[in-house]
Every structure is written in structure tokens, then in C-alpha cells.
Amino acid sequence: MEVTEEGGLVAPKEVAIQYVAYRSALPMLPNHTCHGLEIPPGYASVGVERIADSQFESLELDFPAGDGSTTLGEVVHGVIPWCKRYIIIPGMEAPPQRTRPLSANPQQ
């Protein structure tokens, strides 16, 4: 796989956006899957290079990884779907600051 961009992953944390990991975005191809599963609308495949701080190792993923991993700490050097809204690409505008926490359901 060819890495197309380097940058970071962010996640909502209470009332702000928190930088949680460094990543590489992967190219979006027609019928592209992540671990054999279709990538959900609004998500992209990312490779997790390292975690910004050990406090984020237990951050729960929106979808389990192909090996069943469910936390960010378990997928370092792996590929996972990540919400496009929370992918930072250098030179692009950062996601807006949240005024309230996200729902516990990632599909909302």
C-alpha cells in the first residue's frame, strides 16, 4: 500500500478536540475494504504510527480492528477505519472545536 499523507488523528474529549495519534492516510480506492469489511461512509483507512500520549492507549475504536482489537493502543502499526472528520492532513483546515461531547454511539 502506498502512503499518501502523513498527519494526525484527533478525537472528541469532553468539550474539545484532543490530538491522540500520528497516522498515515491510505488511498481510497473503489470497493476498498479494511480487514475485509467495507469502510463505513464518512470513514477512511488510516495506519496508526504511534500514539501521542499513553493516556490515549485505552481510547475505544468506533469499529474493532481486523484482529478484534478495540482500543487505539492495540492497533499501533496497524490499519483501522477512522472518522474523516477527525483526520488532520497538514495544510488543511483543522476540524471544528466541539461545544459538547459526542454521543456514545459513533454512528450518530
PDB file of N, CA and C in Angstrom:
ATOM      1  N   MET A   1       0.833  -1.187   0.000  1.00  0.00           N
ATOM      2  CA  MET A   1       0.000   0.000   0.000  1.00  0.00           C
ATOM      3  C   MET A   1       0.870   1.240   0.000  1.00  0.00           C
ATOM      4  N   GLU A   2       0.439   2.221  -0.749  1.00  0.00           N
ATOM      5  CA  GLU A   2       1.167   3.468  -0.824  1.00  0.00           C
ATOM      6  C   GLU A   2       0.585   4.462   0.169  1.00  0.00           C
ATOM      7  N   VAL A   3       1.439   5.050   0.974  1.00  0.00           N
ATOM      8  CA  VAL A   3       1.003   6.067   1.928  1.00  0.00           C
ATOM      9  C   VAL A   3       0.874   7.376   1.174  1.00  0.00           C
ATOM     10  N   THR A   4      -0.245   8.061   1.341  1.00  0.00           N
ATOM     11  CA  THR A   4      -0.470   9.291   0.590  1.00  0.00           C
ATOM     12  C   THR A   4      -0.246  10.560   1.403  1.00  0.00           C
ATOM     13  N   GLU A   5      -0.502  10.555   2.663  1.00  0.00           N
ATOM     14  CA  GLU A   5      -0.348  11.740   3.508  1.00  0.00           C
ATOM     15  C   GLU A   5       0.070  11.320   4.907  1.00  0.00           C
ATOM     16  N   GLU A   6       0.830  12.192   5.576  1.00  0.00           N
ATOM     17  CA  GLU A   6       1.132  11.979   6.982  1.00  0.00           C
ATOM     18  C   GLU A   6       0.453  13.088   7.758  1.00  0.00           C
ATOM     19  N   GLY A   7       0.104  12.818   8.987  1.00  0.00           N
ATOM     20  CA  GLY A   7      -0.556  13.830   9.798  1.00  0.00           C
ATOM     21  C   GLY A   7      -0.975  13.249  11.115  1.00  0.00           C
ATOM     22  N   GLY A   8      -2.167  13.578  11.577  1.00  0.00           N
ATOM     23  CA  GLY A   8      -2.587  13.124  12.889  1.00  0.00           C
ATOM     24  C   GLY A   8      -4.041  12.754  12.959  1.00  0.00           C
ATOM     25  N   LEU A   9      -4.367  12.080  14.037  1.00  0.00           N
ATOM     26  CA  LEU A   9      -5.739  11.705  14.341  1.00  0.00           C
ATOM     27  C   LEU A   9      -6.156  12.472  15.585  1.00  0.00           C
ATOM     28  N   VAL A  10      -7.373  12.952  15.590  1.00  0.00           N
ATOM     29  CA  VAL A  10      -7.910  13.622  16.767  1.00  0.00           C
ATOM     30  C   VAL A  10      -9.187  12.912  17.174  1.00  0.00           C
ATOM     31  N   ALA A  11      -9.623  13.153  18.388  1.00  0.00           N
ATOM     32  CA  ALA A  11     -10.854  12.557  18.898  1.00  0.00           C
ATOM     33  C   ALA A  11     -11.526  13.557  19.823  1.00  0.00           C
ATOM     34  N   PRO A  12     -12.854  13.515  19.883  1.00  0.00           N
ATOM     35  CA  PRO A  12     -13.549  14.407  20.810  1.00  0.00           C
ATOM     36  C   PRO A  12     -13.259  13.995  22.244  1.00  0.00           C
ATOM     37  N   LYS A  13     -13.014  14.957  23.116  1.00  0.00           N
ATOM     38  CA  LYS A  13     -12.760  14.674  24.531  1.00  0.00           C
ATOM     39  C   LYS A  13     -13.465  15.756  25.325  1.00  0.00           C
ATOM     40  N   GLU A  14     -14.581  15.379  25.938  1.00  0.00           N
ATOM     41  CA  GLU A  14     -15.428  16.298  26.686  1.00  0.00           C
ATOM     42  C   GLU A  14     -15.840  17.466  25.804  1.00  0.00           C
ATOM     43  N   VAL A  15     -15.287  18.662  25.969  1.00  0.00           N
ATOM     44  CA  VAL A  15     -15.733  19.803  25.170  1.00  0.00           C
ATOM     45  C   VAL A  15     -14.687  20.287  24.170  1.00  0.00           C
ATOM     46  N   ALA A  16     -13.640  19.504  23.920  1.00  0.00           N
ATOM     47  CA  ALA A  16     -12.597  19.925  22.991  1.00  0.00           C
ATOM     48  C   ALA A  16     -12.173  18.752  22.112  1.00  0.00           C
ATOM     49  N   ILE A  17     -11.351  19.046  21.126  1.00  0.00           N
ATOM     50  CA  ILE A  17     -10.762  18.020  20.268  1.00  0.00           C
ATOM     51  C   ILE A  17      -9.355  17.764  20.800  1.00  0.00           C
ATOM     52  N   GLN A  18      -8.973  16.509  20.958  1.00  0.00           N
ATOM     53  CA  GLN A  18      -7.673  16.143  21.520  1.00  0.00           C
ATOM     54  C   GLN A  18      -6.868  15.377  20.482  1.00  0.00           C
ATOM     55  N   TYR A  19      -5.602  15.764  20.276  1.00  0.00           N
ATOM     56  CA  TYR A  19      -4.705  15.062  19.358  1.00  0.00           C
ATOM     57  C   TYR A  19      -4.323  13.742  20.016  1.00  0.00           C
ATOM     58  N   VAL A  20      -4.626  12.601  19.379  1.00  0.00           N
ATOM     59  CA  VAL A  20      -4.421  11.315  20.040  1.00  0.00           C
ATOM     60  C   VAL A  20      -3.380  10.413  19.388  1.00  0.00           C
ATOM     61  N   ALA A  21      -3.098  10.580  18.085  1.00  0.00           N
ATOM     62  CA  ALA A  21      -2.153   9.672  17.436  1.00  0.00           C
ATOM     63  C   ALA A  21      -1.611  10.292  16.157  1.00  0.00           C
ATOM     64  N   TYR A  22      -0.484   9.734  15.713  1.00  0.00           N
ATOM     65  CA  TYR A  22       0.103  10.107  14.436  1.00  0.00           C
ATOM     66  C   TYR A  22      -0.246   9.010  13.454  1.00  0.00           C
ATOM     67  N   ARG A  23      -0.522   9.377  12.219  1.00  0.00           N
ATOM     68  CA  ARG A  23      -1.026   8.389  11.282  1.00  0.00           C
ATOM     69  C   ARG A  23      -0.555   8.667   9.865  1.00  0.00           C
ATOM     70  N   SER A  24      -0.822   7.710   9.012  1.00  0.00           N
ATOM     71  CA  SER A  24      -0.654   7.853   7.576  1.00  0.00           C
ATOM     72  C   SER A  24      -1.989   7.512   6.936  1.00  0.00           C
ATOM     73  N   ALA A  25      -2.492   8.396   6.091  1.00  0.00           N
ATOM     74  CA  ALA A  25      -3.745   8.112   5.383  1.00  0.00           C
ATOM     75  C   ALA A  25      -3.425   7.222   4.198  1.00  0.00           C
ATOM     76  N   LEU A  26      -4.325   6.336   3.883  1.00  0.00           N
ATOM     77  CA  LEU A  26      -4.141   5.422   2.770  1.00  0.00           C
ATOM     78  C   LEU A  26      -5.064   5.823   1.631  1.00  0.00           C
ATOM     79  N   PRO A  27      -4.683   5.533   0.388  1.00  0.00           N
ATOM     80  CA  PRO A  27      -5.525   5.946  -0.735  1.00  0.00           C
ATOM     81  C   PRO A  27      -6.895   5.280  -0.697  1.00  0.00           C
ATOM     82  N   MET A  28      -7.920   6.022  -1.086  1.00  0.00           N
ATOM     83  CA  MET A  28      -9.274   5.473  -1.173  1.00  0.00           C
ATOM     84  C   MET A  28      -9.470   4.938  -2.584  1.00  0.00           C
ATOM     85  N   LEU A  29      -9.685   3.662  -2.694  1.00  0.00           N
ATOM     86  CA  LEU A  29      -9.890   3.012  -3.979  1.00  0.00           C
ATOM     87  C   LEU A  29     -11.320   2.500  -4.062  1.00  0.00           C
ATOM     88  N   PRO A  30     -11.874   2.366  -5.277  1.00  0.00           N
ATOM     89  CA  PRO A  30     -13.227   1.807  -5.391  1.00  0.00           C
ATOM     90  C   PRO A  30     -13.296   0.430  -4.733  1.00  0.00           C
ATOM     91  N   ASN A  31     -14.364   0.174  -4.021  1.00  0.00           N
ATOM     92  CA  ASN A  31     -14.579  -1.109  -3.337  1.00  0.00           C
ATOM     93  C   ASN A  31     -13.481  -1.437  -2.330  1.00  0.00           C
ATOM     94  N   HIS A  32     -12.817  -0.417  -1.807  1.00  0.00           N
ATOM     95  CA  HIS A  32     -11.751  -0.610  -0.826  1.00  0.00           C
ATOM     96  C   HIS A  32     -12.345  -1.111   0.491  1.00  0.00           C
ATOM     97  N   THR A  33     -11.657  -2.032   1.118  1.00  0.00           N
ATOM     98  CA  THR A  33     -12.103  -2.564   2.403  1.00  0.00           C
ATOM     99  C   THR A  33     -11.000  -2.384   3.434  1.00  0.00           C
ATOM    100  N   CYS A  34     -11.343  -2.572   4.669  1.00  0.00           N
ATOM    101  CA  CYS A  34     -10.381  -2.554   5.771  1.00  0.00           C
ATOM    102  C   CYS A  34     -10.589  -3.850   6.535  1.00  0.00           C
ATOM    103  N   HIS A  35      -9.628  -4.734   6.471  1.00  0.00           N
ATOM    104  CA  HIS A  35      -9.720  -6.054   7.103  1.00  0.00           C
ATOM    105  C   HIS A  35     -10.920  -6.842   6.571  1.00  0.00           C
ATOM    106  N   GLY A  36     -11.179  -6.694   5.271  1.00  0.00           N
ATOM    107  CA  GLY A  36     -12.254  -7.446   4.638  1.00  0.00           C
ATOM    108  C   GLY A  36     -13.638  -6.864   4.827  1.00  0.00           C
ATOM    109  N   LEU A  37     -13.741  -5.771   5.569  1.00  0.00           N
ATOM    110  CA  LEU A  37     -15.041  -5.134   5.806  1.00  0.00           C
ATOM    111  C   LEU A  37     -15.112  -3.820   5.031  1.00  0.00           C
ATOM    112  N   GLU A  38     -16.286  -3.511   4.516  1.00  0.00           N
ATOM    113  CA  GLU A  38     -16.479  -2.261   3.799  1.00  0.00           C
ATOM    114  C   GLU A  38     -16.210  -1.085   4.737  1.00  0.00           C
ATOM    115  N   ILE A  39     -15.542  -0.066   4.214  1.00  0.00           N
ATOM    116  CA  ILE A  39     -15.266   1.121   5.023  1.00  0.00           C
ATOM    117  C   ILE A  39     -16.561   1.932   5.118  1.00  0.00           C
ATOM    118  N   PRO A  40     -17.019   2.220   6.335  1.00  0.00           N
ATOM    119  CA  PRO A  40     -18.291   2.939   6.506  1.00  0.00           C
ATOM    120  C   PRO A  40     -18.248   4.334   5.879  1.00  0.00           C
ATOM    121  N   PRO A  41     -19.389   4.846   5.439  1.00  0.00           N
ATOM    122  CA  PRO A  41     -19.444   6.221   4.928  1.00  0.00           C
ATOM    123  C   PRO A  41     -18.913   7.187   5.988  1.00  0.00           C
ATOM    124  N   GLY A  42     -18.129   8.161   5.545  1.00  0.00           N
ATOM    125  CA  GLY A  42     -17.579   9.150   6.468  1.00  0.00           C
ATOM    126  C   GLY A  42     -16.284   8.716   7.132  1.00  0.00           C
ATOM    127  N   TYR A  43     -15.778   7.526   6.784  1.00  0.00           N
ATOM    128  CA  TYR A  43     -14.543   6.999   7.365  1.00  0.00           C
ATOM    129  C   TYR A  43     -13.507   6.776   6.269  1.00  0.00           C
ATOM    130  N   ALA A  44     -12.235   6.712   6.667  1.00  0.00           N
ATOM    131  CA  ALA A  44     -11.137   6.398   5.760  1.00  0.00           C
ATOM    132  C   ALA A  44     -10.196   5.433   6.472  1.00  0.00           C
ATOM    133  N   SER A  45      -9.448   4.662   5.705  1.00  0.00           N
ATOM    134  CA  SER A  45      -8.443   3.772   6.299  1.00  0.00           C
ATOM    135  C   SER A  45      -7.214   4.588   6.667  1.00  0.00           C
ATOM    136  N   VAL A  46      -6.725   4.396   7.877  1.00  0.00           N
ATOM    137  CA  VAL A  46      -5.501   5.067   8.317  1.00  0.00           C
ATOM    138  C   VAL A  46      -4.580   4.043   8.966  1.00  0.00           C
ATOM    139  N   GLY A  47      -3.297   4.270   8.820  1.00  0.00           N
ATOM    140  CA  GLY A  47      -2.307   3.467   9.525  1.00  0.00           C
ATOM    141  C   GLY A  47      -1.902   4.229  10.771  1.00  0.00           C
ATOM    142  N   VAL A  48      -1.998   3.614  11.923  1.00  0.00           N
ATOM    143  CA  VAL A  48      -1.638   4.272  13.188  1.00  0.00           C
ATOM    144  C   VAL A  48      -0.144   4.064  13.415  1.00  0.00           C
ATOM    145  N   GLU A  49       0.629   5.142  13.375  1.00  0.00           N
ATOM    146  CA  GLU A  49       2.082   5.062  13.516  1.00  0.00           C
ATOM    147  C   GLU A  49       2.517   5.035  14.983  1.00  0.00           C
ATOM    148  N   ARG A  50       1.959   5.948  15.775  1.00  0.00           N
ATOM    149  CA  ARG A  50       2.254   5.991  17.214  1.00  0.00           C
ATOM    150  C   ARG A  50       1.182   6.818  17.901  1.00  0.00           C
ATOM    151  N   ILE A  51       1.095   6.639  19.204  1.00  0.00           N
ATOM    152  CA  ILE A  51       0.081   7.338  19.992  1.00  0.00           C
ATOM    153  C   ILE A  51       0.715   8.585  20.599  1.00  0.00           C
ATOM    154  N   ALA A  52      -0.011   9.692  20.567  1.00  0.00           N
ATOM    155  CA  ALA A  52       0.506  10.973  21.040  1.00  0.00           C
ATOM    156  C   ALA A  52       0.853  10.951  22.524  1.00  0.00           C
ATOM    157  N   ASP A  53       0.088  10.230  23.333  1.00  0.00           N
ATOM    158  CA  ASP A  53       0.313  10.170  24.774  1.00  0.00           C
ATOM    159  C   ASP A  53      -0.274   8.855  25.281  1.00  0.00           C
ATOM    160  N   SER A  54       0.382   8.251  26.259  1.00  0.00           N
ATOM    161  CA  SER A  54      -0.067   6.947  26.767  1.00  0.00           C
ATOM    162  C   SER A  54      -1.497   6.978  27.314  1.00  0.00           C
ATOM    163  N   GLN A  55      -1.995   8.152  27.698  1.00  0.00           N
ATOM    164  CA  GLN A  55      -3.370   8.230  28.205  1.00  0.00           C
ATOM    165  C   GLN A  55      -4.398   7.848  27.142  1.00  0.00           C
ATOM    166  N   PHE A  56      -4.008   7.856  25.853  1.00  0.00           N
ATOM    167  CA  PHE A  56      -4.944   7.529  24.780  1.00  0.00           C
ATOM    168  C   PHE A  56      -4.871   6.070  24.336  1.00  0.00           C
ATOM    169  N   GLU A  57      -4.029   5.278  24.962  1.00  0.00           N
ATOM    170  CA  GLU A  57      -3.931   3.861  24.597  1.00  0.00           C
ATOM    171  C   GLU A  57      -5.256   3.140  24.799  1.00  0.00           C
ATOM    172  N   SER A  58      -6.046   3.563  25.764  1.00  0.00           N
ATOM    173  CA  SER A  58      -7.316   2.886  26.058  1.00  0.00           C
ATOM    174  C   SER A  58      -8.508   3.496  25.311  1.00  0.00           C
ATOM    175  N   LEU A  59      -8.258   4.470  24.425  1.00  0.00           N
ATOM    176  CA  LEU A  59      -9.342   5.072  23.649  1.00  0.00           C
ATOM    177  C   LEU A  59     -10.013   3.996  22.796  1.00  0.00           C
ATOM    178  N   GLU A  60     -11.337   3.850  22.956  1.00  0.00           N
ATOM    179  CA  GLU A  60     -12.064   2.812  22.221  1.00  0.00           C
ATOM    180  C   GLU A  60     -12.257   3.215  20.766  1.00  0.00           C
ATOM    181  N   LEU A  61     -12.040   2.255  19.875  1.00  0.00           N
ATOM    182  CA  LEU A  61     -12.232   2.466  18.449  1.00  0.00           C
ATOM    183  C   LEU A  61     -13.722   2.431  18.122  1.00  0.00           C
ATOM    184  N   ASP A  62     -14.116   3.128  17.071  1.00  0.00           N
ATOM    185  CA  ASP A  62     -15.511   3.090  16.631  1.00  0.00           C
ATOM    186  C   ASP A  62     -15.880   1.703  16.116  1.00  0.00           C
ATOM    187  N   PHE A  63     -14.905   1.011  15.499  1.00  0.00           N
ATOM    188  CA  PHE A  63     -15.113  -0.328  14.948  1.00  0.00           C
ATOM    189  C   PHE A  63     -13.928  -1.196  15.340  1.00  0.00           C
ATOM    190  N   PRO A  64     -14.129  -2.455  15.711  1.00  0.00           N
ATOM    191  CA  PRO A  64     -12.996  -3.331  16.030  1.00  0.00           C
ATOM    192  C   PRO A  64     -12.075  -3.487  14.815  1.00  0.00           C
ATOM    193  N   ALA A  65     -10.786  -3.614  15.080  1.00  0.00           N
ATOM    194  CA  ALA A  65      -9.813  -3.870  14.012  1.00  0.00           C
ATOM    195  C   ALA A  65      -9.985  -5.308  13.525  1.00  0.00           C
ATOM    196  N   GLY A  66      -9.309  -5.650  12.458  1.00  0.00           N
ATOM    197  CA  GLY A  66      -9.430  -6.976  11.866  1.00  0.00           C
ATOM    198  C   GLY A  66      -9.083  -8.110  12.801  1.00  0.00           C
ATOM    199  N   ASP A  67      -8.186  -7.849  13.761  1.00  0.00           N
ATOM    200  CA  ASP A  67      -7.796  -8.896  14.714  1.00  0.00           C
ATOM    201  C   ASP A  67      -8.654  -8.866  15.974  1.00  0.00           C
ATOM    202  N   GLY A  68      -9.686  -8.014  15.972  1.00  0.00           N
ATOM    203  CA  GLY A  68     -10.565  -7.913  17.133  1.00  0.00           C
ATOM    204  C   GLY A  68     -10.151  -6.850  18.132  1.00  0.00           C
ATOM    205  N   SER A  69      -9.039  -6.156  17.888  1.00  0.00           N
ATOM    206  CA  SER A  69      -8.591  -5.090  18.789  1.00  0.00           C
ATOM    207  C   SER A  69      -9.661  -4.017  18.881  1.00  0.00           C
ATOM    208  N   THR A  70      -9.840  -3.478  20.076  1.00  0.00           N
ATOM    209  CA  THR A  70     -10.884  -2.473  20.276  1.00  0.00           C
ATOM    210  C   THR A  70     -10.368  -1.144  20.815  1.00  0.00           C
ATOM    211  N   THR A  71      -9.064  -1.047  21.105  1.00  0.00           N
ATOM    212  CA  THR A  71      -8.513   0.207  21.625  1.00  0.00           C
ATOM    213  C   THR A  71      -7.377   0.697  20.739  1.00  0.00           C
ATOM    214  N   LEU A  72      -7.126   1.997  20.792  1.00  0.00           N
ATOM    215  CA  LEU A  72      -6.085   2.613  19.982  1.00  0.00           C
ATOM    216  C   LEU A  72      -4.713   2.011  20.280  1.00  0.00           C
ATOM    217  N   GLY A  73      -4.444   1.712  21.541  1.00  0.00           N
ATOM    218  CA  GLY A  73      -3.151   1.144  21.914  1.00  0.00           C
ATOM    219  C   GLY A  73      -2.874  -0.210  21.295  1.00  0.00           C
ATOM    220  N   GLU A  74      -3.926  -0.934  20.953  1.00  0.00           N
ATOM    221  CA  GLU A  74      -3.767  -2.266  20.372  1.00  0.00           C
ATOM    222  C   GLU A  74      -3.511  -2.235  18.866  1.00  0.00           C
ATOM    223  N   VAL A  75      -3.657  -1.074  18.228  1.00  0.00           N
ATOM    224  CA  VAL A  75      -3.550  -1.029  16.770  1.00  0.00           C
ATOM    225  C   VAL A  75      -2.367  -0.221  16.248  1.00  0.00           C
ATOM    226  N   VAL A  76      -1.389   0.092  17.102  1.00  0.00           N
ATOM    227  CA  VAL A  76      -0.198   0.792  16.634  1.00  0.00           C
ATOM    228  C   VAL A  76       0.466  -0.074  15.567  1.00  0.00           C
ATOM    229  N   HIS A  77       0.836   0.540  14.457  1.00  0.00           N
ATOM    230  CA  HIS A  77       1.407  -0.111  13.268  1.00  0.00           C
ATOM    231  C   HIS A  77       0.366  -0.935  12.525  1.00  0.00           C
ATOM    232  N   GLY A  78      -0.905  -0.719  12.838  1.00  0.00           N
ATOM    233  CA  GLY A  78      -1.989  -1.398  12.138  1.00  0.00           C
ATOM    234  C   GLY A  78      -2.820  -0.405  11.338  1.00  0.00           C
ATOM    235  N   VAL A  79      -3.794  -0.924  10.618  1.00  0.00           N
ATOM    236  CA  VAL A  79      -4.682  -0.113   9.787  1.00  0.00           C
ATOM    237  C   VAL A  79      -6.102  -0.231  10.334  1.00  0.00           C
ATOM    238  N   ILE A  80      -6.761   0.918  10.491  1.00  0.00           N
ATOM    239  CA  ILE A  80      -8.127   0.950  11.026  1.00  0.00           C
ATOM    240  C   ILE A  80      -8.950   1.989  10.272  1.00  0.00           C
ATOM    241  N   PRO A  81     -10.284   1.872  10.312  1.00  0.00           N
ATOM    242  CA  PRO A  81     -11.108   2.973   9.802  1.00  0.00           C
ATOM    243  C   PRO A  81     -11.170   4.075  10.865  1.00  0.00           C
ATOM    244  N   TRP A  82     -11.060   5.332  10.442  1.00  0.00           N
ATOM    245  CA  TRP A  82     -11.115   6.480  11.355  1.00  0.00           C
ATOM    246  C   TRP A  82     -12.026   7.517  10.724  1.00  0.00           C
ATOM    247  N   CYS A  83     -12.836   8.145  11.509  1.00  0.00           N
ATOM    248  CA  CYS A  83     -13.769   9.156  11.015  1.00  0.00           C
ATOM    249  C   CYS A  83     -12.996  10.271  10.298  1.00  0.00           C
ATOM    250  N   LYS A  84     -13.366  10.541   9.049  1.00  0.00           N
ATOM    251  CA  LYS A  84     -12.657  11.550   8.255  1.00  0.00           C
ATOM    252  C   LYS A  84     -12.649  12.906   8.951  1.00  0.00           C
ATOM    253  N   ARG A  85     -13.700  13.199   9.672  1.00  0.00           N
ATOM    254  CA  ARG A  85     -13.799  14.485  10.367  1.00  0.00           C
ATOM    255  C   ARG A  85     -12.640  14.685  11.344  1.00  0.00           C
ATOM    256  N   TYR A  86     -12.096  13.595  11.836  1.00  0.00           N
ATOM    257  CA  TYR A  86     -11.043  13.670  12.849  1.00  0.00           C
ATOM    258  C   TYR A  86      -9.673  13.266  12.319  1.00  0.00           C
ATOM    259  N   ILE A  87      -9.470  13.413  11.016  1.00  0.00           N
ATOM    260  CA  ILE A  87      -8.156  13.180  10.416  1.00  0.00           C
ATOM    261  C   ILE A  87      -7.578  14.539  10.050  1.00  0.00           C
ATOM    262  N   ILE A  88      -6.380  14.822  10.539  1.00  0.00           N
ATOM    263  CA  ILE A  88      -5.708  16.080  10.223  1.00  0.00           C
ATOM    264  C   ILE A  88      -4.690  15.808   9.128  1.00  0.00           C
ATOM    265  N   ILE A  89      -4.795  16.557   8.045  1.00  0.00           N
ATOM    266  CA  ILE A  89      -3.821  16.480   6.963  1.00  0.00           C
ATOM    267  C   ILE A  89      -3.112  17.825   6.931  1.00  0.00           C
ATOM    268  N   PRO A  90      -1.762  17.828   7.020  1.00  0.00           N
ATOM    269  CA  PRO A  90      -1.031  19.096   7.034  1.00  0.00           C
ATOM    270  C   PRO A  90      -1.446  19.994   5.865  1.00  0.00           C
ATOM    271  N   GLY A  91      -1.639  21.273   6.169  1.00  0.00           N
ATOM    272  CA  GLY A  91      -2.036  22.233   5.158  1.00  0.00           C
ATOM    273  C   GLY A  91      -3.538  22.342   4.976  1.00  0.00           C
ATOM    274  N   MET A  92      -4.291  21.472   5.638  1.00  0.00           N
ATOM    275  CA  MET A  92      -5.752  21.517   5.552  1.00  0.00           C
ATOM    276  C   MET A  92      -6.280  22.112   6.856  1.00  0.00           C
ATOM    277  N   GLU A  93      -7.494  22.636   6.800  1.00  0.00           N
ATOM    278  CA  GLU A  93      -8.120  23.225   7.979  1.00  0.00           C
ATOM    279  C   GLU A  93      -8.392  22.153   9.032  1.00  0.00           C
ATOM    280  N   ALA A  94      -8.136  22.475  10.292  1.00  0.00           N
ATOM    281  CA  ALA A  94      -8.393  21.547  11.402  1.00  0.00           C
ATOM    282  C   ALA A  94      -9.893  21.395  11.612  1.00  0.00           C
ATOM    283  N   PRO A  95     -10.328  20.266  12.225  1.00  0.00           N
ATOM    284  CA  PRO A  95     -11.754  20.094  12.491  1.00  0.00           C
ATOM    285  C   PRO A  95     -12.252  21.138  13.484  1.00  0.00           C
ATOM    286  N   PRO A  96     -13.538  21.484  13.419  1.00  0.00           N
ATOM    287  CA  PRO A  96     -14.070  22.490  14.343  1.00  0.00           C
ATOM    288  C   PRO A  96     -14.045  21.992  15.778  1.00  0.00           C
ATOM    289  N   GLN A  97     -13.907  22.935  16.714  1.00  0.00           N
ATOM    290  CA  GLN A  97     -13.945  22.588  18.133  1.00  0.00           C
ATOM    291  C   GLN A  97     -15.364  22.197  18.508  1.00  0.00           C
ATOM    292  N   ARG A  98     -15.503  21.166  19.319  1.00  0.00           N
ATOM    293  CA  ARG A  98     -16.825  20.703  19.751  1.00  0.00           C
ATOM    294  C   ARG A  98     -17.298  21.574  20.902  1.00  0.00           C
ATOM    295  N   THR A  99     -18.584  21.808  20.969  1.00  0.00           N
ATOM    296  CA  THR A  99     -19.147  22.562  22.084  1.00  0.00           C
ATOM    297  C   THR A  99     -19.795  21.633  23.092  1.00  0.00           C
ATOM    298  N   ARG A 100     -19.941  20.339  22.711  1.00  0.00           N
ATOM    299  CA  ARG A 100     -20.496  19.343  23.623  1.00  0.00           C
ATOM    300  C   ARG A 100     -19.926  17.983  23.232  1.00  0.00           C
ATOM    301  N   PRO A 101     -19.912  17.016  24.152  1.00  0.00           N
ATOM    302  CA  PRO A 101     -19.372  15.693  23.832  1.00  0.00           C
ATOM    303  C   PRO A 101     -20.194  14.991  22.756  1.00  0.00           C
ATOM    304  N   LEU A 102     -19.536  14.102  22.004  1.00  0.00           N
ATOM    305  CA  LEU A 102     -20.241  13.274  21.034  1.00  0.00           C
ATOM    306  C   LEU A 102     -21.063  12.217  21.742  1.00  0.00           C
ATOM    307  N   SER A 103     -22.047  11.701  21.060  1.00  0.00           N
ATOM    308  CA  SER A 103     -22.843  10.588  21.566  1.00  0.00           C
ATOM    309  C   SER A 103     -21.954   9.368  21.733  1.00  0.00           C
ATOM    310  N   ALA A 104     -22.316   8.473  22.633  1.00  0.00           N
ATOM    311  CA  ALA A 104     -21.566   7.232  22.816  1.00  0.00           C
ATOM    312  C   ALA A 104     -21.693   6.345  21.591  1.00  0.00           C
ATOM    313  N   ASN A 105     -22.693   6.562  20.750  1.00  0.00           N
ATOM    314  CA  ASN A 105     -22.899   5.784  19.532  1.00  0.00           C
ATOM    315  C   ASN A 105     -22.168   6.470  18.384  1.00  0.00           C
ATOM    316  N   PRO A 106     -21.076   5.860  17.828  1.00  0.00           N
ATOM    317  CA  PRO A 106     -20.291   6.514  16.786  1.00  0.00           C
ATOM    318  C   PRO A 106     -21.047   6.719  15.484  1.00  0.00           C
ATOM    319  N   GLN A 107     -22.174   6.071  15.296  1.00  0.00           N
ATOM    320  CA  GLN A 107     -22.930   6.196  14.056  1.00  0.00           C
ATOM    321  C   GLN A 107     -23.822   7.431  14.041  1.00  0.00           C
ATOM    322  N   GLN A 108     -23.936   8.147  15.168  1.00  0.00           N
ATOM    323  CA  GLN A 108     -24.816   9.321  15.225  1.00  0.00           C
ATOM    324  C   GLN A 108     -24.060  10.566  14.869  1.00  0.00           C
TER     325      GLN A 108
END
